[in-house]
């Protein structure tokens, strides 16, 4: 059995997206001005730093096109702002989430 918590600075295991991560992903997409016919965050990893990094696998079309997106969330004391720090596209559904 593996521990679900990442070590400090390390990435968590890939897991199904939570409601919190869905909200973060949608808000980050709005801020980035991204619009897709389909936008379904499916799995994610996170990393605790001076804030939190998220790496999310997102389905963006009915014909199974995906992208991987890096999102940074600042600490609440720093405003909790979100920013998209990287995108990889196109990605097949089978590609694992690998930090980039």
PDB file of N, CA and C in Angstrom:
ATOM      1  N   UNK A   1       0.842  -1.176   0.000  1.00  0.00           N
ATOM      2  CA  UNK A   1       0.000   0.000   0.000  1.00  0.00           C
ATOM      3  C   UNK A   1       0.887   1.239   0.000  1.00  0.00           C
ATOM      4  N   UNK A   2       0.574   2.197  -0.888  1.00  0.00           N
ATOM      5  CA  UNK A   2       1.386   3.407  -0.959  1.00  0.00           C
ATOM      6  C   UNK A   2       0.721   4.526  -0.194  1.00  0.00           C
ATOM      7  N   UNK A   3       1.502   5.427   0.324  1.00  0.00           N
ATOM      8  CA  UNK A   3       1.007   6.598   1.028  1.00  0.00           C
ATOM      9  C   UNK A   3       0.493   7.595   0.006  1.00  0.00           C
ATOM     10  N   UNK A   4      -0.714   8.114   0.181  1.00  0.00           N
ATOM     11  CA  UNK A   4      -1.320   9.048  -0.774  1.00  0.00           C
ATOM     12  C   UNK A   4      -0.672  10.425  -0.714  1.00  0.00           C
ATOM     13  N   UNK A   5       0.004  10.730   0.390  1.00  0.00           N
ATOM     14  CA  UNK A   5       0.615  12.048   0.528  1.00  0.00           C
ATOM     15  C   UNK A   5       2.003  12.039  -0.113  1.00  0.00           C
ATOM     16  N   UNK A   6       2.298  13.067  -0.946  1.00  0.00           N
ATOM     17  CA  UNK A   6       3.641  13.124  -1.525  1.00  0.00           C
ATOM     18  C   UNK A   6       4.642  13.579  -0.474  1.00  0.00           C
ATOM     19  N   UNK A   7       5.893  13.201  -0.668  1.00  0.00           N
ATOM     20  CA  UNK A   7       6.925  13.736   0.215  1.00  0.00           C
ATOM     21  C   UNK A   7       7.084  15.212  -0.100  1.00  0.00           C
ATOM     22  N   UNK A   8       7.599  16.032   0.823  1.00  0.00           N
ATOM     23  CA  UNK A   8       7.742  17.464   0.555  1.00  0.00           C
ATOM     24  C   UNK A   8       8.493  17.712  -0.761  1.00  0.00           C
ATOM     25  N   UNK A   9       7.891  18.483  -1.639  1.00  0.00           N
ATOM     26  CA  UNK A   9       8.499  18.794  -2.924  1.00  0.00           C
ATOM     27  C   UNK A   9       8.283  17.729  -3.976  1.00  0.00           C
ATOM     28  N   UNK A  10       7.788  16.549  -3.582  1.00  0.00           N
ATOM     29  CA  UNK A  10       7.559  15.462  -4.532  1.00  0.00           C
ATOM     30  C   UNK A  10       6.143  15.486  -5.076  1.00  0.00           C
ATOM     31  N   UNK A  11       5.934  14.740  -6.133  1.00  0.00           N
ATOM     32  CA  UNK A  11       4.611  14.658  -6.761  1.00  0.00           C
ATOM     33  C   UNK A  11       3.820  13.512  -6.155  1.00  0.00           C
ATOM     34  N   UNK A  12       2.510  13.701  -6.035  1.00  0.00           N
ATOM     35  CA  UNK A  12       1.615  12.646  -5.575  1.00  0.00           C
ATOM     36  C   UNK A  12       1.454  11.602  -6.676  1.00  0.00           C
ATOM     37  N   UNK A  13       0.803  10.512  -6.347  1.00  0.00           N
ATOM     38  CA  UNK A  13       0.426   9.511  -7.343  1.00  0.00           C
ATOM     39  C   UNK A  13      -0.705  10.091  -8.193  1.00  0.00           C
ATOM     40  N   UNK A  14      -0.848   9.602  -9.429  1.00  0.00           N
ATOM     41  CA  UNK A  14      -1.959  10.025 -10.282  1.00  0.00           C
ATOM     42  C   UNK A  14      -3.261   9.489  -9.683  1.00  0.00           C
ATOM     43  N   UNK A  15      -4.275  10.356  -9.613  1.00  0.00           N
ATOM     44  CA  UNK A  15      -5.549   9.990  -8.994  1.00  0.00           C
ATOM     45  C   UNK A  15      -6.704  10.611  -9.773  1.00  0.00           C
ATOM     46  N   UNK A  16      -7.917  10.079  -9.598  1.00  0.00           N
ATOM     47  CA  UNK A  16      -9.084  10.710 -10.231  1.00  0.00           C
ATOM     48  C   UNK A  16      -9.241  12.145  -9.738  1.00  0.00           C
ATOM     49  N   UNK A  17      -9.731  12.993 -10.605  1.00  0.00           N
ATOM     50  CA  UNK A  17      -9.892  14.407 -10.278  1.00  0.00           C
ATOM     51  C   UNK A  17     -10.963  14.584  -9.200  1.00  0.00           C
ATOM     52  N   UNK A  18     -10.685  15.446  -8.254  1.00  0.00           N
ATOM     53  CA  UNK A  18     -11.634  15.799  -7.202  1.00  0.00           C
ATOM     54  C   UNK A  18     -12.441  17.021  -7.646  1.00  0.00           C
ATOM     55  N   UNK A  19     -13.517  17.313  -6.934  1.00  0.00           N
ATOM     56  CA  UNK A  19     -14.316  18.508  -7.252  1.00  0.00           C
ATOM     57  C   UNK A  19     -13.465  19.770  -7.129  1.00  0.00           C
ATOM     58  N   UNK A  20     -12.594  19.826  -6.120  1.00  0.00           N
ATOM     59  CA  UNK A  20     -11.717  20.981  -5.936  1.00  0.00           C
ATOM     60  C   UNK A  20     -10.826  21.188  -7.163  1.00  0.00           C
ATOM     61  N   UNK A  21     -10.238  20.101  -7.666  1.00  0.00           N
ATOM     62  CA  UNK A  21      -9.348  20.208  -8.826  1.00  0.00           C
ATOM     63  C   UNK A  21     -10.143  20.576 -10.081  1.00  0.00           C
ATOM     64  N   UNK A  22     -11.367  20.059 -10.228  1.00  0.00           N
ATOM     65  CA  UNK A  22     -12.214  20.460 -11.358  1.00  0.00           C
ATOM     66  C   UNK A  22     -12.428  21.965 -11.359  1.00  0.00           C
ATOM     67  N   UNK A  23     -12.757  22.519 -10.199  1.00  0.00           N
ATOM     68  CA  UNK A  23     -12.989  23.965 -10.080  1.00  0.00           C
ATOM     69  C   UNK A  23     -11.726  24.746 -10.419  1.00  0.00           C
ATOM     70  N   UNK A  24     -10.582  24.281  -9.924  1.00  0.00           N
ATOM     71  CA  UNK A  24      -9.305  24.949 -10.198  1.00  0.00           C
ATOM     72  C   UNK A  24      -9.008  24.915 -11.695  1.00  0.00           C
ATOM     73  N   UNK A  25      -9.221  23.757 -12.327  1.00  0.00           N
ATOM     74  CA  UNK A  25      -8.946  23.592 -13.750  1.00  0.00           C
ATOM     75  C   UNK A  25      -9.856  24.501 -14.584  1.00  0.00           C
ATOM     76  N   UNK A  26     -11.137  24.539 -14.262  1.00  0.00           N
ATOM     77  CA  UNK A  26     -12.084  25.387 -14.999  1.00  0.00           C
ATOM     78  C   UNK A  26     -11.725  26.852 -14.834  1.00  0.00           C
ATOM     79  N   UNK A  27     -11.412  27.273 -13.616  1.00  0.00           N
ATOM     80  CA  UNK A  27     -11.048  28.673 -13.379  1.00  0.00           C
ATOM     81  C   UNK A  27      -9.760  29.042 -14.106  1.00  0.00           C
ATOM     82  N   UNK A  28      -8.779  28.156 -14.082  1.00  0.00           N
ATOM     83  CA  UNK A  28      -7.519  28.425 -14.782  1.00  0.00           C
ATOM     84  C   UNK A  28      -7.775  28.537 -16.289  1.00  0.00           C
ATOM     85  N   UNK A  29      -8.643  27.687 -16.834  1.00  0.00           N
ATOM     86  CA  UNK A  29      -8.993  27.759 -18.253  1.00  0.00           C
ATOM     87  C   UNK A  29      -9.656  29.073 -18.608  1.00  0.00           C
ATOM     88  N   UNK A  30     -10.558  29.553 -17.748  1.00  0.00           N
ATOM     89  CA  UNK A  30     -11.221  30.850 -17.976  1.00  0.00           C
ATOM     90  C   UNK A  30     -10.180  31.969 -18.006  1.00  0.00           C
ATOM     91  N   UNK A  31      -9.281  31.949 -17.028  1.00  0.00           N
ATOM     92  CA  UNK A  31      -8.263  32.996 -16.944  1.00  0.00           C
ATOM     93  C   UNK A  31      -7.346  32.976 -18.159  1.00  0.00           C
ATOM     94  N   UNK A  32      -7.103  31.781 -18.696  1.00  0.00           N
ATOM     95  CA  UNK A  32      -6.226  31.656 -19.864  1.00  0.00           C
ATOM     96  C   UNK A  32      -6.982  31.905 -21.168  1.00  0.00           C
ATOM     97  N   UNK A  33      -8.321  32.062 -21.084  1.00  0.00           N
ATOM     98  CA  UNK A  33      -9.121  32.305 -22.279  1.00  0.00           C
ATOM     99  C   UNK A  33      -9.259  31.079 -23.168  1.00  0.00           C
ATOM    100  N   UNK A  34      -9.168  29.885 -22.574  1.00  0.00           N
ATOM    101  CA  UNK A  34      -9.230  28.640 -23.332  1.00  0.00           C
ATOM    102  C   UNK A  34     -10.678  28.180 -23.428  1.00  0.00           C
ATOM    103  N   UNK A  35     -11.092  27.823 -24.648  1.00  0.00           N
ATOM    104  CA  UNK A  35     -12.448  27.311 -24.850  1.00  0.00           C
ATOM    105  C   UNK A  35     -12.367  26.051 -25.710  1.00  0.00           C
ATOM    106  N   UNK A  36     -13.013  24.975 -25.247  1.00  0.00           N
ATOM    107  CA  UNK A  36     -13.061  23.713 -25.971  1.00  0.00           C
ATOM    108  C   UNK A  36     -14.506  23.247 -26.019  1.00  0.00           C
ATOM    109  N   UNK A  37     -14.830  22.403 -27.006  1.00  0.00           N
ATOM    110  CA  UNK A  37     -16.171  21.823 -27.072  1.00  0.00           C
ATOM    111  C   UNK A  37     -16.433  20.955 -25.844  1.00  0.00           C
ATOM    112  N   UNK A  38     -15.411  20.246 -25.412  1.00  0.00           N
ATOM    113  CA  UNK A  38     -15.483  19.387 -24.232  1.00  0.00           C
ATOM    114  C   UNK A  38     -14.308  19.780 -23.344  1.00  0.00           C
ATOM    115  N   UNK A  39     -14.525  19.820 -22.059  1.00  0.00           N
ATOM    116  CA  UNK A  39     -13.424  20.097 -21.128  1.00  0.00           C
ATOM    117  C   UNK A  39     -13.695  19.292 -19.858  1.00  0.00           C
ATOM    118  N   UNK A  40     -13.112  18.084 -19.816  1.00  0.00           N
ATOM    119  CA  UNK A  40     -13.364  17.174 -18.702  1.00  0.00           C
ATOM    120  C   UNK A  40     -12.034  16.781 -18.053  1.00  0.00           C
ATOM    121  N   UNK A  41     -11.685  17.412 -16.934  1.00  0.00           N
ATOM    122  CA  UNK A  41     -10.497  16.979 -16.207  1.00  0.00           C
ATOM    123  C   UNK A  41     -10.719  15.561 -15.699  1.00  0.00           C
ATOM    124  N   UNK A  42      -9.757  14.659 -15.937  1.00  0.00           N
ATOM    125  CA  UNK A  42      -9.954  13.257 -15.557  1.00  0.00           C
ATOM    126  C   UNK A  42      -9.056  12.790 -14.421  1.00  0.00           C
ATOM    127  N   UNK A  43      -7.755  13.030 -14.538  1.00  0.00           N
ATOM    128  CA  UNK A  43      -6.837  12.612 -13.481  1.00  0.00           C
ATOM    129  C   UNK A  43      -5.868  13.747 -13.200  1.00  0.00           C
ATOM    130  N   UNK A  44      -5.195  13.661 -12.039  1.00  0.00           N
ATOM    131  CA  UNK A  44      -4.254  14.717 -11.680  1.00  0.00           C
ATOM    132  C   UNK A  44      -3.192  14.201 -10.731  1.00  0.00           C
ATOM    133  N   UNK A  45      -2.122  14.980 -10.650  1.00  0.00           N
ATOM    134  CA  UNK A  45      -1.092  14.836  -9.631  1.00  0.00           C
ATOM    135  C   UNK A  45      -0.936  16.227  -9.017  1.00  0.00           C
ATOM    136  N   UNK A  46      -0.422  16.276  -7.812  1.00  0.00           N
ATOM    137  CA  UNK A  46      -0.131  17.580  -7.220  1.00  0.00           C
ATOM    138  C   UNK A  46       1.216  17.538  -6.503  1.00  0.00           C
ATOM    139  N   UNK A  47       1.755  18.737  -6.324  1.00  0.00           N
ATOM    140  CA  UNK A  47       3.055  18.900  -5.680  1.00  0.00           C
ATOM    141  C   UNK A  47       2.945  20.111  -4.756  1.00  0.00           C
ATOM    142  N   UNK A  48       3.307  19.916  -3.507  1.00  0.00           N
ATOM    143  CA  UNK A  48       3.282  21.026  -2.561  1.00  0.00           C
ATOM    144  C   UNK A  48       4.629  21.716  -2.589  1.00  0.00           C
ATOM    145  N   UNK A  49       4.590  23.008  -2.893  1.00  0.00           N
ATOM    146  CA  UNK A  49       5.783  23.862  -2.931  1.00  0.00           C
ATOM    147  C   UNK A  49       5.412  25.108  -2.128  1.00  0.00           C
ATOM    148  N   UNK A  50       5.896  26.264  -2.474  1.00  0.00           N
ATOM    149  CA  UNK A  50       5.430  27.510  -1.863  1.00  0.00           C
ATOM    150  C   UNK A  50       4.125  27.863  -2.567  1.00  0.00           C
ATOM    151  N   UNK A  51       3.124  27.048  -2.336  1.00  0.00           N
ATOM    152  CA  UNK A  51       1.859  27.038  -3.050  1.00  0.00           C
ATOM    153  C   UNK A  51       1.625  25.595  -3.445  1.00  0.00           C
ATOM    154  N   UNK A  52       0.926  25.377  -4.559  1.00  0.00           N
ATOM    155  CA  UNK A  52       0.652  24.017  -5.002  1.00  0.00           C
ATOM    156  C   UNK A  52       0.676  23.957  -6.521  1.00  0.00           C
ATOM    157  N   UNK A  53       1.379  22.967  -7.048  1.00  0.00           N
ATOM    158  CA  UNK A  53       1.365  22.694  -8.486  1.00  0.00           C
ATOM    159  C   UNK A  53       0.391  21.554  -8.752  1.00  0.00           C
ATOM    160  N   UNK A  54      -0.372  21.701  -9.826  1.00  0.00           N
ATOM    161  CA  UNK A  54      -1.268  20.641 -10.278  1.00  0.00           C
ATOM    162  C   UNK A  54      -0.866  20.270 -11.697  1.00  0.00           C
ATOM    163  N   UNK A  55      -0.884  18.987 -11.997  1.00  0.00           N
ATOM    164  CA  UNK A  55      -0.691  18.483 -13.346  1.00  0.00           C
ATOM    165  C   UNK A  55      -1.951  17.683 -13.648  1.00  0.00           C
ATOM    166  N   UNK A  56      -2.736  18.147 -14.641  1.00  0.00           N
ATOM    167  CA  UNK A  56      -4.067  17.599 -14.874  1.00  0.00           C
ATOM    168  C   UNK A  56      -4.190  17.080 -16.305  1.00  0.00           C
ATOM    169  N   UNK A  57      -4.785  15.876 -16.440  1.00  0.00           N
ATOM    170  CA  UNK A  57      -5.104  15.303 -17.753  1.00  0.00           C
ATOM    171  C   UNK A  57      -6.538  15.711 -18.066  1.00  0.00           C
ATOM    172  N   UNK A  58      -6.735  16.406 -19.215  1.00  0.00           N
ATOM    173  CA  UNK A  58      -8.040  16.958 -19.557  1.00  0.00           C
ATOM    174  C   UNK A  58      -8.487  16.454 -20.927  1.00  0.00           C
ATOM    175  N   UNK A  59      -9.684  15.874 -20.977  1.00  0.00           N
ATOM    176  CA  UNK A  59     -10.282  15.476 -22.255  1.00  0.00           C
ATOM    177  C   UNK A  59     -10.877  16.728 -22.882  1.00  0.00           C
ATOM    178  N   UNK A  60     -10.507  17.003 -24.166  1.00  0.00           N
ATOM    179  CA  UNK A  60     -10.957  18.248 -24.784  1.00  0.00           C
ATOM    180  C   UNK A  60     -11.755  18.050 -26.068  1.00  0.00           C
ATOM    181  N   UNK A  61     -12.054  16.798 -26.419  1.00  0.00           N
ATOM    182  CA  UNK A  61     -12.897  16.583 -27.597  1.00  0.00           C
ATOM    183  C   UNK A  61     -13.567  15.224 -27.516  1.00  0.00           C
ATOM    184  N   UNK A  62     -14.661  15.095 -28.251  1.00  0.00           N
ATOM    185  CA  UNK A  62     -15.385  13.822 -28.284  1.00  0.00           C
ATOM    186  C   UNK A  62     -14.566  12.720 -28.956  1.00  0.00           C
ATOM    187  N   UNK A  63     -13.599  13.095 -29.815  1.00  0.00           N
ATOM    188  CA  UNK A  63     -12.776  12.073 -30.473  1.00  0.00           C
ATOM    189  C   UNK A  63     -11.505  11.771 -29.669  1.00  0.00           C
ATOM    190  N   UNK A  64     -11.620  11.883 -28.347  1.00  0.00           N
ATOM    191  CA  UNK A  64     -10.578  11.470 -27.404  1.00  0.00           C
ATOM    192  C   UNK A  64      -9.246  12.185 -27.565  1.00  0.00           C
ATOM    193  N   UNK A  65      -9.288  13.485 -27.765  1.00  0.00           N
ATOM    194  CA  UNK A  65      -8.064  14.285 -27.715  1.00  0.00           C
ATOM    195  C   UNK A  65      -7.925  14.813 -26.290  1.00  0.00           C
ATOM    196  N   UNK A  66      -6.686  14.783 -25.816  1.00  0.00           N
ATOM    197  CA  UNK A  66      -6.389  15.203 -24.450  1.00  0.00           C
ATOM    198  C   UNK A  66      -5.276  16.232 -24.447  1.00  0.00           C
ATOM    199  N   UNK A  67      -5.198  16.956 -23.347  1.00  0.00           N
ATOM    200  CA  UNK A  67      -4.034  17.795 -23.092  1.00  0.00           C
ATOM    201  C   UNK A  67      -3.638  17.596 -21.644  1.00  0.00           C
ATOM    202  N   UNK A  68      -2.380  17.888 -21.366  1.00  0.00           N
ATOM    203  CA  UNK A  68      -1.877  17.900 -20.001  1.00  0.00           C
ATOM    204  C   UNK A  68      -1.581  19.349 -19.676  1.00  0.00           C
ATOM    205  N   UNK A  69      -2.045  19.798 -18.536  1.00  0.00           N
ATOM    206  CA  UNK A  69      -1.878  21.202 -18.169  1.00  0.00           C
ATOM    207  C   UNK A  69      -1.266  21.304 -16.772  1.00  0.00           C
ATOM    208  N   UNK A  70      -0.285  22.188 -16.643  1.00  0.00           N
ATOM    209  CA  UNK A  70       0.305  22.538 -15.351  1.00  0.00           C
ATOM    210  C   UNK A  70      -0.394  23.788 -14.847  1.00  0.00           C
ATOM    211  N   UNK A  71      -0.841  23.750 -13.602  1.00  0.00           N
ATOM    212  CA  UNK A  71      -1.487  24.899 -12.978  1.00  0.00           C
ATOM    213  C   UNK A  71      -0.790  25.144 -11.645  1.00  0.00           C
ATOM    214  N   UNK A  72      -0.460  26.406 -11.382  1.00  0.00           N
ATOM    215  CA  UNK A  72       0.132  26.776 -10.102  1.00  0.00           C
ATOM    216  C   UNK A  72      -0.902  27.557  -9.305  1.00  0.00           C
ATOM    217  N   UNK A  73      -1.072  27.201  -8.036  1.00  0.00           N
ATOM    218  CA  UNK A  73      -1.946  27.945  -7.139  1.00  0.00           C
ATOM    219  C   UNK A  73      -1.104  28.500  -6.002  1.00  0.00           C
ATOM    220  N   UNK A  74      -1.091  29.831  -5.899  1.00  0.00           N
ATOM    221  CA  UNK A  74      -0.337  30.493  -4.839  1.00  0.00           C
ATOM    222  C   UNK A  74      -0.986  30.200  -3.486  1.00  0.00           C
ATOM    223  N   UNK A  75      -0.219  30.387  -2.437  1.00  0.00           N
ATOM    224  CA  UNK A  75      -0.741  30.229  -1.083  1.00  0.00           C
ATOM    225  C   UNK A  75      -1.851  31.248  -0.822  1.00  0.00           C
ATOM    226  N   UNK A  76      -2.823  30.912   0.033  1.00  0.00           N
ATOM    227  CA  UNK A  76      -3.885  31.872   0.350  1.00  0.00           C
ATOM    228  C   UNK A  76      -3.340  33.202   0.861  1.00  0.00           C
ATOM    229  N   UNK A  77      -2.272  33.165   1.634  1.00  0.00           N
ATOM    230  CA  UNK A  77      -1.684  34.402   2.155  1.00  0.00           C
ATOM    231  C   UNK A  77      -1.151  35.289   1.016  1.00  0.00           C
ATOM    232  N   UNK A  78      -0.842  34.672  -0.128  1.00  0.00           N
ATOM    233  CA  UNK A  78      -0.364  35.405  -1.306  1.00  0.00           C
ATOM    234  C   UNK A  78      -1.483  35.653  -2.308  1.00  0.00           C
ATOM    235  N   UNK A  79      -2.724  35.446  -1.893  1.00  0.00           N
ATOM    236  CA  UNK A  79      -3.867  35.713  -2.762  1.00  0.00           C
ATOM    237  C   UNK A  79      -4.498  34.478  -3.371  1.00  0.00           C
ATOM    238  N   UNK A  80      -3.823  33.325  -3.320  1.00  0.00           N
ATOM    239  CA  UNK A  80      -4.380  32.092  -3.859  1.00  0.00           C
ATOM    240  C   UNK A  80      -4.576  32.091  -5.363  1.00  0.00           C
ATOM    241  N   UNK A  81      -3.907  33.028  -6.068  1.00  0.00           N
ATOM    242  CA  UNK A  81      -4.080  33.149  -7.518  1.00  0.00           C
ATOM    243  C   UNK A  81      -3.674  31.882  -8.246  1.00  0.00           C
ATOM    244  N   UNK A  82      -4.347  31.641  -9.383  1.00  0.00           N
ATOM    245  CA  UNK A  82      -4.054  30.505 -10.252  1.00  0.00           C
ATOM    246  C   UNK A  82      -3.363  30.984 -11.514  1.00  0.00           C
ATOM    247  N   UNK A  83      -2.444  30.175 -12.013  1.00  0.00           N
ATOM    248  CA  UNK A  83      -1.843  30.484 -13.309  1.00  0.00           C
ATOM    249  C   UNK A  83      -1.498  29.184 -14.025  1.00  0.00           C
ATOM    250  N   UNK A  84      -1.759  29.190 -15.337  1.00  0.00           N
ATOM    251  CA  UNK A  84      -1.382  28.060 -16.179  1.00  0.00           C
ATOM    252  C   UNK A  84       0.091  28.242 -16.511  1.00  0.00           C
ATOM    253  N   UNK A  85       0.909  27.253 -16.150  1.00  0.00           N
ATOM    254  CA  UNK A  85       2.353  27.387 -16.350  1.00  0.00           C
ATOM    255  C   UNK A  85       2.882  26.505 -17.471  1.00  0.00           C
ATOM    256  N   UNK A  86       2.017  25.674 -18.053  1.00  0.00           N
ATOM    257  CA  UNK A  86       2.444  24.847 -19.176  1.00  0.00           C
ATOM    258  C   UNK A  86       1.310  23.989 -19.700  1.00  0.00           C
ATOM    259  N   UNK A  87       1.364  23.704 -21.009  1.00  0.00           N
ATOM    260  CA  UNK A  87       0.365  22.853 -21.648  1.00  0.00           C
ATOM    261  C   UNK A  87       1.079  21.942 -22.638  1.00  0.00           C
ATOM    262  N   UNK A  88       0.700  20.668 -22.644  1.00  0.00           N
ATOM    263  CA  UNK A  88       1.185  19.728 -23.654  1.00  0.00           C
ATOM    264  C   UNK A  88      -0.025  19.212 -24.424  1.00  0.00           C
ATOM    265  N   UNK A  89       0.024  19.341 -25.760  1.00  0.00           N
ATOM    266  CA  UNK A  89      -1.081  18.938 -26.626  1.00  0.00           C
ATOM    267  C   UNK A  89      -0.525  18.610 -27.988  1.00  0.00           C
ATOM    268  N   UNK A  90      -1.028  17.624 -28.676  1.00  0.00           N
ATOM    269  CA  UNK A  90      -2.047  16.662 -28.276  1.00  0.00           C
ATOM    270  C   UNK A  90      -1.427  15.524 -27.473  1.00  0.00           C
ATOM    271  N   UNK A  91      -2.249  14.889 -26.668  1.00  0.00           N
ATOM    272  CA  UNK A  91      -1.830  13.749 -25.866  1.00  0.00           C
ATOM    273  C   UNK A  91      -2.885  12.661 -25.982  1.00  0.00           C
ATOM    274  N   UNK A  92      -2.478  11.396 -26.131  1.00  0.00           N
ATOM    275  CA  UNK A  92      -3.469  10.318 -26.076  1.00  0.00           C
ATOM    276  C   UNK A  92      -3.868  10.058 -24.627  1.00  0.00           C
ATOM    277  N   UNK A  93      -5.013   9.469 -24.444  1.00  0.00           N
ATOM    278  CA  UNK A  93      -5.515   9.184 -23.092  1.00  0.00           C
ATOM    279  C   UNK A  93      -4.535   8.307 -22.306  1.00  0.00           C
ATOM    280  N   UNK A  94      -3.807   7.458 -22.996  1.00  0.00           N
ATOM    281  CA  UNK A  94      -2.920   6.500 -22.325  1.00  0.00           C
ATOM    282  C   UNK A  94      -1.612   7.104 -21.824  1.00  0.00           C
ATOM    283  N   UNK A  95      -1.274   8.329 -22.236  1.00  0.00           N
ATOM    284  CA  UNK A  95      -0.033   8.945 -21.763  1.00  0.00           C
ATOM    285  C   UNK A  95      -0.117   9.240 -20.269  1.00  0.00           C
ATOM    286  N   UNK A  96       0.860   8.796 -19.491  1.00  0.00           N
ATOM    287  CA  UNK A  96       0.850   9.100 -18.052  1.00  0.00           C
ATOM    288  C   UNK A  96       1.167  10.577 -17.827  1.00  0.00           C
ATOM    289  N   UNK A  97       0.752  11.071 -16.695  1.00  0.00           N
ATOM    290  CA  UNK A  97       1.088  12.443 -16.303  1.00  0.00           C
ATOM    291  C   UNK A  97       2.530  12.469 -15.829  1.00  0.00           C
ATOM    292  N   UNK A  98       3.366  13.192 -16.556  1.00  0.00           N
ATOM    293  CA  UNK A  98       4.786  13.307 -16.233  1.00  0.00           C
ATOM    294  C   UNK A  98       5.099  14.799 -16.114  1.00  0.00           C
ATOM    295  N   UNK A  99       5.647  15.241 -14.991  1.00  0.00           N
ATOM    296  CA  UNK A  99       5.948  16.668 -14.829  1.00  0.00           C
ATOM    297  C   UNK A  99       6.794  17.191 -15.981  1.00  0.00           C
ATOM    298  N   UNK A 100       6.475  18.390 -16.442  1.00  0.00           N
ATOM    299  CA  UNK A 100       7.224  19.040 -17.521  1.00  0.00           C
ATOM    300  C   UNK A 100       7.416  20.494 -17.217  1.00  0.00           C
TER     301      UNK A 100
END
